Amino acid sequence: MTMNVKQKTVIGWTAGLSIVYAITRYHYFKGVPFQQFFPDILNKGLSLAAILLISLLLSVGPLSRQFPDKFNNLQLGKRLFGSLGFVFAFLHSLVSIYFYKPDHYPKFFSLEHLNVIGKFVLYSGVVSLILLSIAFMVSFPKILNVRPNYFSTIPVYRFRRLNYWRWSCDSYRCSGMVSSLLLAGVFNSIMYNRK
């Protein structure tokens, strides 16, 4: 996977603006001290960068079909956006699990045990990471030696009238799993970041 200049620029701006947004939101508007940059603020920037890169992965295809002159170079970097989104999400999960303690997040604990909101945030984060891991494995079938057709046999609920979920897995995409991952990840970040 080689990156061209446009892909490097998109990834750099996405990661940089995510961290700048987290710094601005939490340090300047919410008054979090600068000593908490590493565990709190950087972790929130990582999660935002992961969600944005995975969203970019899903939107580059339609954008390159609609505007081929501007977005064809990004079409070649779809796997790279997804891979880096997975790396950022995995790092966010590791940092979150390491600092998921009563002294650091008292709103998720009551009497040294997880409360209902804490359990929900923890479980939705784990489910999101599992779904993202499955989508990541399906994206690299030859390298990771997995059969993508196995994932297409997973039973899912379908809403026939709304046609809300579209589950179609083949060797290079698993759009339903990534869509549900984004929904679970966004919901997890809303619950995790509210004060």
Protein backbone atom coordinates (compact mmCIF):
# COMPACT_ATOMS: atom_id res chain seq x y z
CA MET A 1 0.00 0.00 0.00
CA THR A 2 1.76 3.08 -1.21
CA MET A 3 0.36 6.52 -0.54
CA ASN A 4 0.30 9.35 -2.99
CA VAL A 5 0.41 13.00 -1.95
CA LYS A 6 -3.36 13.46 -1.92
CA GLN A 7 -3.90 10.45 0.36
CA LYS A 8 -1.17 11.61 2.76
CA THR A 9 -2.73 15.06 2.84
CA VAL A 10 -6.22 13.72 3.59
CA ILE A 11 -4.97 11.41 6.35
CA GLY A 12 -2.76 14.10 7.90
CA TRP A 13 -5.49 16.74 7.88
CA THR A 14 -8.05 14.29 9.25
CA ALA A 15 -5.87 13.22 12.17
CA GLY A 16 -4.56 16.73 12.83
CA LEU A 17 -7.94 18.45 12.74
CA SER A 18 -9.45 15.75 14.96
CA ILE A 19 -6.85 16.37 17.64
CA VAL A 20 -7.13 20.17 17.26
CA TYR A 21 -10.92 19.86 17.60
CA ALA A 22 -10.54 17.77 20.76
CA ILE A 23 -8.07 20.26 22.24
CA THR A 24 -10.31 23.21 21.40
CA ARG A 25 -13.48 21.58 22.68
CA TYR A 26 -12.17 20.19 25.94
CA HIS A 27 -9.35 22.58 26.92
CA TYR A 28 -10.86 25.87 25.89
CA PHE A 29 -14.62 25.34 26.13
CA LYS A 30 -14.91 22.74 28.89
CA GLY A 31 -11.91 23.81 30.97
CA VAL A 32 -10.08 20.48 31.16
CA PRO A 33 -6.51 21.16 32.39
CA PHE A 34 -3.62 20.67 29.96
CA GLN A 35 -2.10 18.00 32.23
CA GLN A 36 -4.83 15.61 31.05
CA PHE A 37 -3.88 15.89 27.38
CA PHE A 38 -2.60 12.34 26.95
CA PRO A 39 -5.22 10.11 28.43
CA ASP A 40 -8.31 12.19 27.77
CA ILE A 41 -7.92 14.64 24.95
CA LEU A 42 -5.64 12.63 22.67
CA ASN A 43 -7.92 9.62 23.09
CA LYS A 44 -10.96 11.62 22.04
CA GLY A 45 -9.06 12.93 19.01
CA LEU A 46 -8.07 9.36 18.07
CA SER A 47 -11.68 8.21 18.22
CA LEU A 48 -12.85 11.11 16.06
CA ALA A 49 -10.08 10.47 13.51
CA ALA A 50 -11.04 6.78 13.39
CA ILE A 51 -14.71 7.56 12.76
CA LEU A 52 -13.84 10.15 10.09
CA LEU A 53 -11.42 7.84 8.25
CA ILE A 54 -13.91 4.98 8.25
CA SER A 55 -16.63 7.37 7.03
CA LEU A 56 -14.26 8.53 4.32
CA LEU A 57 -13.71 4.89 3.35
CA LEU A 58 -17.45 4.51 2.78
CA SER A 59 -17.95 7.82 0.97
CA VAL A 60 -14.98 7.81 -1.42
CA GLY A 61 -16.59 5.30 -3.80
CA PRO A 62 -19.79 7.27 -4.43
CA LEU A 63 -17.87 10.54 -4.56
CA SER A 64 -15.41 9.19 -7.14
CA ARG A 65 -18.31 8.00 -9.30
CA GLN A 66 -20.02 11.38 -9.04
CA PHE A 67 -16.87 13.53 -9.43
CA PRO A 68 -14.25 11.33 -11.14
CA ASP A 69 -11.75 14.12 -11.79
CA LYS A 70 -11.40 15.09 -8.13
CA PHE A 71 -11.80 11.85 -6.21
CA ASN A 72 -10.26 9.10 -8.37
CA ASN A 73 -6.90 9.46 -6.60
CA LEU A 74 -8.62 8.86 -3.26
CA GLN A 75 -10.38 5.76 -4.64
CA LEU A 76 -7.01 4.00 -4.71
CA GLY A 77 -6.51 4.70 -1.00
CA LYS A 78 -9.76 3.24 0.32
CA ARG A 79 -8.03 0.33 2.01
CA LEU A 80 -5.49 2.64 3.53
CA PHE A 81 -8.22 4.85 5.02
CA GLY A 82 -9.91 1.79 6.47
CA SER A 83 -6.66 0.34 7.79
CA LEU A 84 -5.64 3.56 9.51
CA GLY A 85 -9.18 3.99 10.82
CA PHE A 86 -8.90 0.52 12.33
CA VAL A 87 -5.49 1.33 13.84
CA PHE A 88 -6.82 4.55 15.38
CA ALA A 89 -9.91 2.77 16.72
CA PHE A 90 -7.77 -0.03 18.15
CA LEU A 91 -5.44 2.48 19.85
CA HIS A 92 -8.47 4.33 21.20
CA SER A 93 -9.81 1.05 22.61
CA LEU A 94 -6.52 0.20 24.30
CA VAL A 95 -6.19 3.63 25.89
CA SER A 96 -9.85 3.64 26.93
CA ILE A 97 -9.66 0.21 28.56
CA TYR A 98 -6.43 1.11 30.35
CA PHE A 99 -7.89 4.30 31.84
CA TYR A 100 -11.40 2.93 32.47
CA LYS A 101 -11.15 3.16 36.24
CA PRO A 102 -13.33 4.74 38.96
CA ASP A 103 -10.83 7.49 39.74
CA HIS A 104 -10.61 8.53 36.09
CA TYR A 105 -14.28 8.16 35.05
CA PRO A 106 -16.40 8.42 38.19
CA LYS A 107 -19.62 8.93 36.19
CA PHE A 108 -19.42 5.31 34.96
CA PHE A 109 -18.95 3.78 38.40
CA SER A 110 -20.95 3.58 41.59
CA LEU A 111 -19.31 2.11 44.70
CA GLU A 112 -16.28 0.87 42.72
CA HIS A 113 -18.49 -1.12 40.30
CA LEU A 114 -19.73 -0.28 36.82
CA ASN A 115 -23.14 1.35 36.69
CA VAL A 116 -25.63 0.90 33.84
CA ILE A 117 -24.16 3.68 31.70
CA GLY A 118 -20.63 2.40 32.28
CA LYS A 119 -21.59 -1.13 31.24
CA PHE A 120 -23.39 0.14 28.17
CA VAL A 121 -20.42 2.25 27.05
CA LEU A 122 -18.01 -0.63 27.66
CA TYR A 123 -20.14 -3.23 25.85
CA SER A 124 -20.93 -1.00 22.88
CA GLY A 125 -17.22 -0.22 22.51
CA VAL A 126 -16.32 -3.92 22.56
CA VAL A 127 -19.04 -4.76 20.01
CA SER A 128 -17.85 -1.91 17.78
CA LEU A 129 -14.27 -3.17 17.94
CA ILE A 130 -15.37 -6.73 17.12
CA LEU A 131 -17.38 -5.56 14.11
CA LEU A 132 -14.49 -3.40 12.95
CA SER A 133 -12.12 -6.35 13.32
CA ILE A 134 -14.38 -8.52 11.18
CA ALA A 135 -14.58 -5.83 8.51
CA PHE A 136 -10.79 -5.45 8.65
CA MET A 137 -10.26 -9.21 8.23
CA VAL A 138 -12.64 -9.32 5.27
CA SER A 139 -10.72 -6.48 3.61
CA PHE A 140 -7.48 -8.49 3.49
CA PRO A 141 -8.51 -12.06 2.62
CA LYS A 142 -5.21 -13.13 1.05
CA ILE A 143 -2.96 -11.66 3.72
CA LEU A 144 -4.99 -12.87 6.72
CA ASN A 145 -6.11 -16.14 5.07
CA VAL A 146 -9.82 -15.77 5.81
CA ARG A 147 -12.76 -16.73 3.67
CA PRO A 148 -15.04 -13.70 3.25
CA ASN A 149 -17.99 -15.90 2.22
CA TYR A 150 -18.15 -17.20 5.79
CA PHE A 151 -19.21 -13.75 6.99
CA SER A 152 -22.02 -13.53 4.45
CA THR A 153 -23.82 -16.43 6.16
CA ILE A 154 -24.17 -14.59 9.49
CA PRO A 155 -27.92 -14.19 10.12
CA VAL A 156 -29.08 -10.60 10.57
CA TYR A 157 -32.41 -8.90 11.05
CA ARG A 158 -33.83 -7.10 8.08
CA PHE A 159 -36.35 -4.33 8.16
CA ARG A 160 -38.13 -4.92 4.89
CA ARG A 161 -40.16 -1.73 4.75
CA LEU A 162 -37.40 0.61 5.84
CA ASN A 163 -34.57 -1.25 4.09
CA TYR A 164 -32.35 0.28 6.74
CA TRP A 165 -29.53 -2.25 6.91
CA ARG A 166 -27.83 -3.51 3.80
CA TRP A 167 -25.74 -6.53 4.54
CA SER A 168 -23.58 -7.56 1.63
CA CYS A 169 -20.19 -9.07 2.21
CA ASP A 170 -17.81 -10.00 -0.52
CA SER A 171 -14.05 -10.10 -0.67
CA TYR A 172 -13.51 -6.34 -0.61
CA ARG A 173 -16.36 -4.81 1.32
CA CYS A 174 -18.68 -5.52 4.13
CA SER A 175 -20.89 -2.46 4.06
CA GLY A 176 -23.53 -3.57 6.55
CA MET A 177 -21.02 -4.40 9.23
CA VAL A 178 -19.17 -1.15 8.72
CA SER A 179 -22.46 0.80 8.80
CA SER A 180 -23.48 -0.82 12.05
CA LEU A 181 -19.97 -0.23 13.37
CA LEU A 182 -20.25 3.47 12.58
CA LEU A 183 -23.65 3.69 14.25
CA ALA A 184 -22.38 1.87 17.34
CA GLY A 185 -19.18 3.92 17.38
CA VAL A 186 -20.99 7.24 17.07
CA PHE A 187 -23.44 6.23 19.79
CA ASN A 188 -20.56 5.06 21.97
CA SER A 189 -18.69 8.33 21.51
CA ILE A 190 -21.83 10.35 22.33
CA MET A 191 -22.34 8.41 25.56
CA TYR A 192 -18.62 8.42 26.37
CA ASN A 193 -18.08 12.15 25.80
CA ARG A 194 -21.12 13.62 27.47
CA LYS A 195 -20.59 15.24 30.84
